[in-house]
Protein backbone atom coordinates (compact mmCIF):
# COMPACT_ATOMS: atom_id res chain seq x y z
CA UNK A 1 32.24 127.99 75.84
CA UNK A 2 32.77 126.91 79.62
CA UNK A 3 33.29 129.74 82.06
CA UNK A 4 35.17 129.81 85.50
CA UNK A 5 35.05 132.98 87.24
CA UNK A 6 35.97 135.88 84.54
CA UNK A 7 37.47 133.39 82.29
CA UNK A 8 36.33 131.70 79.12
CA UNK A 9 38.04 128.39 78.80
CA UNK A 10 39.30 127.03 75.61
CA UNK A 11 41.26 124.34 74.43
CA UNK A 12 44.15 124.73 72.13
CA UNK A 13 45.36 121.41 70.35
CA UNK A 14 48.77 122.06 69.11
CA UNK A 15 49.36 118.24 67.76
CA UNK A 16 50.71 114.73 68.54
CA UNK A 17 53.82 113.29 69.54
CA UNK A 18 55.33 109.90 70.32
CA UNK A 19 57.27 108.71 73.18
CA UNK A 20 58.38 105.43 74.06
CA UNK A 21 55.74 103.64 76.25
CA UNK A 22 58.19 101.87 78.69
CA UNK A 23 59.39 105.17 79.47
CA UNK A 24 56.17 106.59 80.01
CA UNK A 25 54.86 104.03 82.26
CA UNK A 26 57.91 103.04 84.20
CA UNK A 27 57.89 99.80 86.26
CA UNK A 28 54.36 98.77 84.92
CA UNK A 29 54.62 95.97 82.55
CA UNK A 30 53.62 96.50 78.82
CA UNK A 31 50.96 93.93 79.08
CA UNK A 32 49.19 96.13 81.44
CA UNK A 33 49.80 99.57 80.12
CA UNK A 34 49.00 98.74 76.58
CA UNK A 35 45.46 97.62 77.54
CA UNK A 36 45.14 101.40 78.03
CA UNK A 37 47.23 103.13 75.33
CA UNK A 38 48.45 100.88 72.21
CA UNK A 39 51.90 101.17 71.22
CA UNK A 40 53.20 101.41 67.78
CA UNK A 41 55.77 98.99 65.91
CA UNK A 42 58.57 101.30 67.64
CA UNK A 43 57.00 100.98 71.08
CA UNK A 44 55.67 104.75 71.13
CA UNK A 45 52.47 105.80 72.49
CA UNK A 46 50.82 108.68 70.57
CA UNK A 47 50.05 111.72 72.92
CA UNK A 48 48.25 114.81 72.34
CA UNK A 49 49.91 118.19 73.30
CA UNK A 50 46.55 119.98 74.58
CA UNK A 51 47.06 123.42 75.78
CA UNK A 52 44.61 125.83 77.84
CA UNK A 53 43.72 129.49 76.98
CA UNK A 54 41.94 131.47 79.55
CA UNK A 55 40.26 134.58 78.02
CA UNK A 56 39.20 137.05 80.74
CA UNK A 57 39.81 139.74 83.03
CA UNK A 58 41.57 141.86 80.67
CA UNK A 59 44.29 139.02 79.82
CA UNK A 60 44.49 136.02 77.50
CA UNK A 61 46.55 133.47 79.14
CA UNK A 62 48.13 130.52 77.43
CA UNK A 63 49.05 127.43 79.42
CA UNK A 64 52.05 125.66 77.52
CA UNK A 65 52.86 125.90 73.89
CA UNK A 66 53.36 122.43 72.76
CA UNK A 67 56.63 121.84 70.99
CA UNK A 68 56.24 124.20 68.04
CA UNK A 69 58.08 123.75 64.72
CA UNK A 70 61.73 124.45 65.15
CA UNK A 71 62.84 120.86 65.22
CA UNK A 72 64.69 119.02 62.29
CA UNK A 73 63.62 115.97 60.05
CA UNK A 74 65.46 113.49 62.41
CA UNK A 75 63.64 115.08 65.43
CA UNK A 76 60.13 114.50 63.75
CA UNK A 77 61.03 111.08 62.92
CA UNK A 78 62.20 109.97 66.11
CA UNK A 79 59.17 111.60 68.21
CA UNK A 80 56.63 110.85 65.46
CA UNK A 81 55.57 114.54 65.59
CA UNK A 82 52.17 114.96 63.69
CA UNK A 83 50.69 118.60 62.99
CA UNK A 84 48.49 116.98 60.08
CA UNK A 85 45.31 117.74 62.11
CA UNK A 86 46.23 120.27 64.93
CA UNK A 87 49.01 123.11 65.16
CA UNK A 88 49.20 125.88 67.78
CA UNK A 89 48.49 129.02 65.66
CA UNK A 90 45.83 127.17 63.43
CA UNK A 91 44.11 126.43 66.84
CA UNK A 92 44.59 130.06 68.27
CA UNK A 93 42.76 131.12 65.17
CA UNK A 94 40.09 128.69 65.47
CA UNK A 95 39.50 129.89 68.85
CA UNK A 96 39.42 133.68 67.39
CA UNK A 97 42.97 134.72 68.42
CA UNK A 98 46.40 135.12 66.87
CA UNK A 99 49.87 134.94 68.82
CA UNK A 100 50.08 138.80 69.33
CA UNK A 101 46.99 138.72 71.14
CA UNK A 102 48.55 136.44 74.12
CA UNK A 103 49.34 138.78 77.07
CA UNK A 104 50.59 136.10 79.36
CA UNK A 105 52.34 132.38 78.75
CA UNK A 106 52.45 129.95 81.84
CA UNK A 107 55.01 127.06 81.25
CA UNK A 108 54.66 124.42 83.42
CA UNK A 109 58.28 123.53 82.93
CA UNK A 110 60.69 123.67 80.16
CA UNK A 111 60.81 120.13 78.39
CA UNK A 112 60.56 120.77 74.71
CA UNK A 113 56.82 119.34 74.50
CA UNK A 114 55.62 121.85 76.86
CA UNK A 115 57.85 124.92 76.21
CA UNK A 116 58.86 124.36 72.33
CA UNK A 117 56.09 126.48 70.81
CA UNK A 118 56.97 129.32 72.88
CA UNK A 119 59.97 130.49 70.53
CA UNK A 120 59.80 130.23 66.65
CA UNK A 121 62.41 131.25 63.99
CA UNK A 122 62.51 134.66 62.24
CA UNK A 123 65.13 134.21 59.54
CA UNK A 124 68.19 133.45 61.43
CA UNK A 125 67.43 134.21 65.12
CA UNK A 126 64.91 132.43 67.28
CA UNK A 127 62.63 134.86 69.06
CA UNK A 128 59.65 134.62 71.53
CA UNK A 129 56.57 133.24 69.67
CA UNK A 130 54.36 135.70 71.80
CA UNK A 131 55.64 138.98 71.31
CA UNK A 132 53.33 141.00 73.89
CA UNK A 133 53.27 138.23 76.06
CA UNK A 134 55.07 137.84 79.67
CA UNK A 135 56.55 134.33 80.15
CA UNK A 136 55.73 132.91 83.70
CA UNK A 137 58.45 130.07 84.85
CA UNK A 138 59.25 129.13 88.44
CA UNK A 139 62.82 130.57 89.48
CA UNK A 140 63.53 127.03 90.70
CA UNK A 141 62.63 125.54 87.81
CA UNK A 142 64.58 127.78 85.18
CA UNK A 143 67.73 127.49 87.48
CA UNK A 144 67.44 123.71 86.99
CA UNK A 145 66.97 124.04 83.25
CA UNK A 146 69.60 126.19 82.36
CA UNK A 147 72.29 124.13 83.99
CA UNK A 148 70.42 120.79 83.10
CA UNK A 149 71.40 117.42 84.73
CA UNK A 150 72.64 114.54 82.61
CA UNK A 151 68.88 112.88 82.74
CA UNK A 152 66.94 115.56 81.45
CA UNK A 153 69.73 117.60 79.11
CA UNK A 154 67.76 116.10 76.07
CA UNK A 155 64.48 117.66 77.23
CA UNK A 156 65.91 121.00 77.82
CA UNK A 157 66.63 122.36 74.44
CA UNK A 158 68.65 125.89 74.29
CA UNK A 159 66.44 127.16 71.56
CA UNK A 160 63.38 126.81 73.77
CA UNK A 161 65.03 128.74 76.55
CA UNK A 162 67.90 131.10 75.77
CA UNK A 163 65.63 133.25 73.50
CA UNK A 164 63.27 133.91 76.53
CA UNK A 165 66.21 135.21 78.64
CA UNK A 166 67.39 137.44 76.10
CA UNK A 167 63.79 138.77 75.22
CA UNK A 168 62.99 140.77 78.53
CA UNK A 169 59.95 139.01 78.64
CA UNK A 170 60.65 136.33 81.24
CA UNK A 171 59.25 136.53 84.65
CA UNK A 172 60.34 134.24 87.29
CA UNK A 173 57.70 133.00 89.93
CA UNK A 174 58.54 132.00 93.29
CA UNK A 175 56.50 129.08 94.95
CA UNK A 176 52.96 128.44 95.03
CA UNK A 177 51.07 131.86 94.29
CA UNK A 178 47.97 133.27 92.79
CA UNK A 179 49.09 134.87 90.02
CA UNK A 180 46.42 136.39 88.73
CA UNK A 181 42.86 136.52 90.04
CA UNK A 182 41.56 132.83 90.48
CA UNK A 183 44.47 131.54 88.70
CA UNK A 184 46.69 129.90 91.27
CA UNK A 185 50.32 127.79 90.76
CA UNK A 186 50.97 124.57 92.48
CA UNK A 187 54.74 123.37 92.44
CA UNK A 188 55.70 119.63 92.10
CA UNK A 189 59.26 118.44 92.32
CA UNK A 190 59.03 114.55 91.18
CA UNK A 191 59.06 115.07 87.57
CA UNK A 192 61.16 117.73 87.38
CA UNK A 193 62.40 120.45 89.95
CA UNK A 194 59.30 123.02 90.46
CA UNK A 195 56.94 122.12 87.78
CA UNK A 196 53.84 124.26 88.12
CA UNK A 197 50.40 123.17 87.92
CA UNK A 198 47.88 125.67 87.09
CA UNK A 199 44.43 125.76 89.25
CA UNK A 200 41.65 127.95 87.76
CA UNK A 201 38.90 128.30 90.41
CA UNK A 202 35.81 130.47 91.38
CA UNK A 203 35.27 129.16 94.82
CA UNK A 204 32.61 126.50 93.23
CA UNK A 205 34.30 125.09 90.47
CA UNK A 206 37.67 124.29 90.02
CA UNK A 207 39.93 122.94 86.75
CA UNK A 208 43.52 122.10 87.31
CA UNK A 209 45.87 121.63 83.95
CA UNK A 210 47.92 118.67 85.68
CA UNK A 211 50.63 118.58 83.13
CA UNK A 212 53.17 115.87 83.75
CA UNK A 213 52.20 114.95 87.08
CA UNK A 214 49.34 113.03 85.59
CA UNK A 215 50.20 113.10 81.83
CA UNK A 216 47.08 110.78 80.92
CA UNK A 217 44.22 109.03 82.59
CA UNK A 218 46.23 106.24 82.76
CA UNK A 219 48.79 107.72 85.34
CA UNK A 220 46.10 108.06 88.23
CA UNK A 221 47.38 104.87 89.97
CA UNK A 222 49.93 105.58 92.18
CA UNK A 223 52.62 103.05 90.99
CA UNK A 224 51.92 104.46 87.40
CA UNK A 225 55.24 106.78 87.16
CA UNK A 226 57.11 107.85 84.25
CA UNK A 227 60.64 106.51 83.94
CA UNK A 228 61.18 110.19 82.70
CA UNK A 229 60.65 111.45 86.52
CA UNK A 230 63.87 112.58 88.38
CA UNK A 231 62.48 111.49 91.66
CA UNK A 232 59.78 108.96 91.05
CA UNK A 233 58.88 108.31 94.97
CA UNK A 234 58.44 112.21 95.33
CA UNK A 235 55.96 111.79 92.27
CA UNK A 236 54.16 109.07 94.06
CA UNK A 237 53.95 111.16 97.25
CA UNK A 238 52.60 114.24 95.36
CA UNK A 239 50.13 112.52 93.48
CA UNK A 240 48.55 110.84 96.69
CA UNK A 241 48.29 113.94 98.18
CA UNK A 242 46.90 115.98 94.97
CA UNK A 243 44.33 113.08 94.27
CA UNK A 244 43.33 113.29 98.13
CA UNK A 245 42.60 116.59 97.91
CA UNK A 246 41.20 116.86 94.32
CA UNK A 247 38.76 114.19 95.30
CA UNK A 248 37.63 115.75 98.42
CA UNK A 249 37.16 119.13 97.08
CA UNK A 250 35.64 118.06 93.73
CA UNK A 251 38.03 119.36 91.14
CA UNK A 252 38.21 118.70 87.48
CA UNK A 253 41.34 117.72 85.90
CA UNK A 254 42.83 118.90 82.61
CA UNK A 255 44.91 116.31 80.57
CA UNK A 256 47.49 117.74 78.28
CA UNK A 257 48.82 114.39 76.85
CA UNK A 258 45.88 112.03 77.11
CA UNK A 259 45.12 110.91 73.58
CA UNK A 260 41.23 110.86 74.20
CA UNK A 261 40.40 112.83 77.27
CA UNK A 262 40.90 116.42 77.75
CA UNK A 263 38.65 116.66 81.03
CA UNK A 264 37.57 114.47 83.77
CA UNK A 265 36.15 114.14 87.31
CA UNK A 266 37.50 111.81 90.05
CA UNK A 267 35.98 108.94 92.00
CA UNK A 268 37.02 106.69 94.76
CA UNK A 269 37.13 102.94 94.09
CA UNK A 270 38.41 99.74 95.74
CA UNK A 271 41.18 100.08 93.44
CA UNK A 272 42.16 103.37 94.00
CA UNK A 273 41.15 106.94 92.39
CA UNK A 274 39.82 106.50 89.03
CA UNK A 275 38.82 109.27 86.10
CA UNK A 276 35.10 109.56 85.75
CA UNK A 277 33.07 111.56 83.37
CA UNK A 278 35.54 111.93 80.85
CA UNK A 279 34.86 114.43 78.14
CA UNK A 280 35.86 117.30 76.15
CA UNK A 281 36.34 120.60 77.49
CA UNK A 282 33.29 122.44 76.02
CA UNK A 283 31.62 119.94 78.07
CA UNK A 284 32.71 121.20 81.51
């Protein structure tokens, strides 16, 4: 398995789900975006929920959790939830771990497809999935999520949030910090308030978990911005700054939702920044 600094890196596949292709690509016409990711009969594109596990320095750190299994049949049907091939706990087991081994969970943000797996049903209660872990969420984002705006209310589900507040396992982060040695948080505010990307580096090699700043490789183009973003022009500005730095410093990117690509580098082309050397994480 690849290593960066003290950390061995594992991919944790938690399943697939579907979102409306038009919403995923905003102003980009369907004939253009469908060349890259085809839609089903209901205009949904199938996306992965690919998480990252960092093992080392006395910790087992999980970045995002997928959407979990608390949904009902209607939710499953609307979002084409598919756990037939991959599921959070099965993927942890395949990597040699179980939920109780996880010491830290970094939630990039609290939308259901990123945070839903962080809690589970136990009888008639909903409790944290990772009973021995600290959950790290940006404080500004937490305040945003617990009093949601009308656009995001359907993405911030109480069952994914309230049990964390009641558990005593929640740690609210303040801004861009080095959370653990070599594990840096980078806040972005276009998709939602204070989304945090996770940058893992040893000074020579850098991998960035780009979450919903760049949900797929198809979103590298500056105008290719989701309609889900609360501040799309801010996303454009953040993406431009991020890609300039990533290209200049040779960062590798980890894509959470791309249906094919887990990891890619970047190259500058006459049409803008493009993905290169697309590969699975173990080939990093």
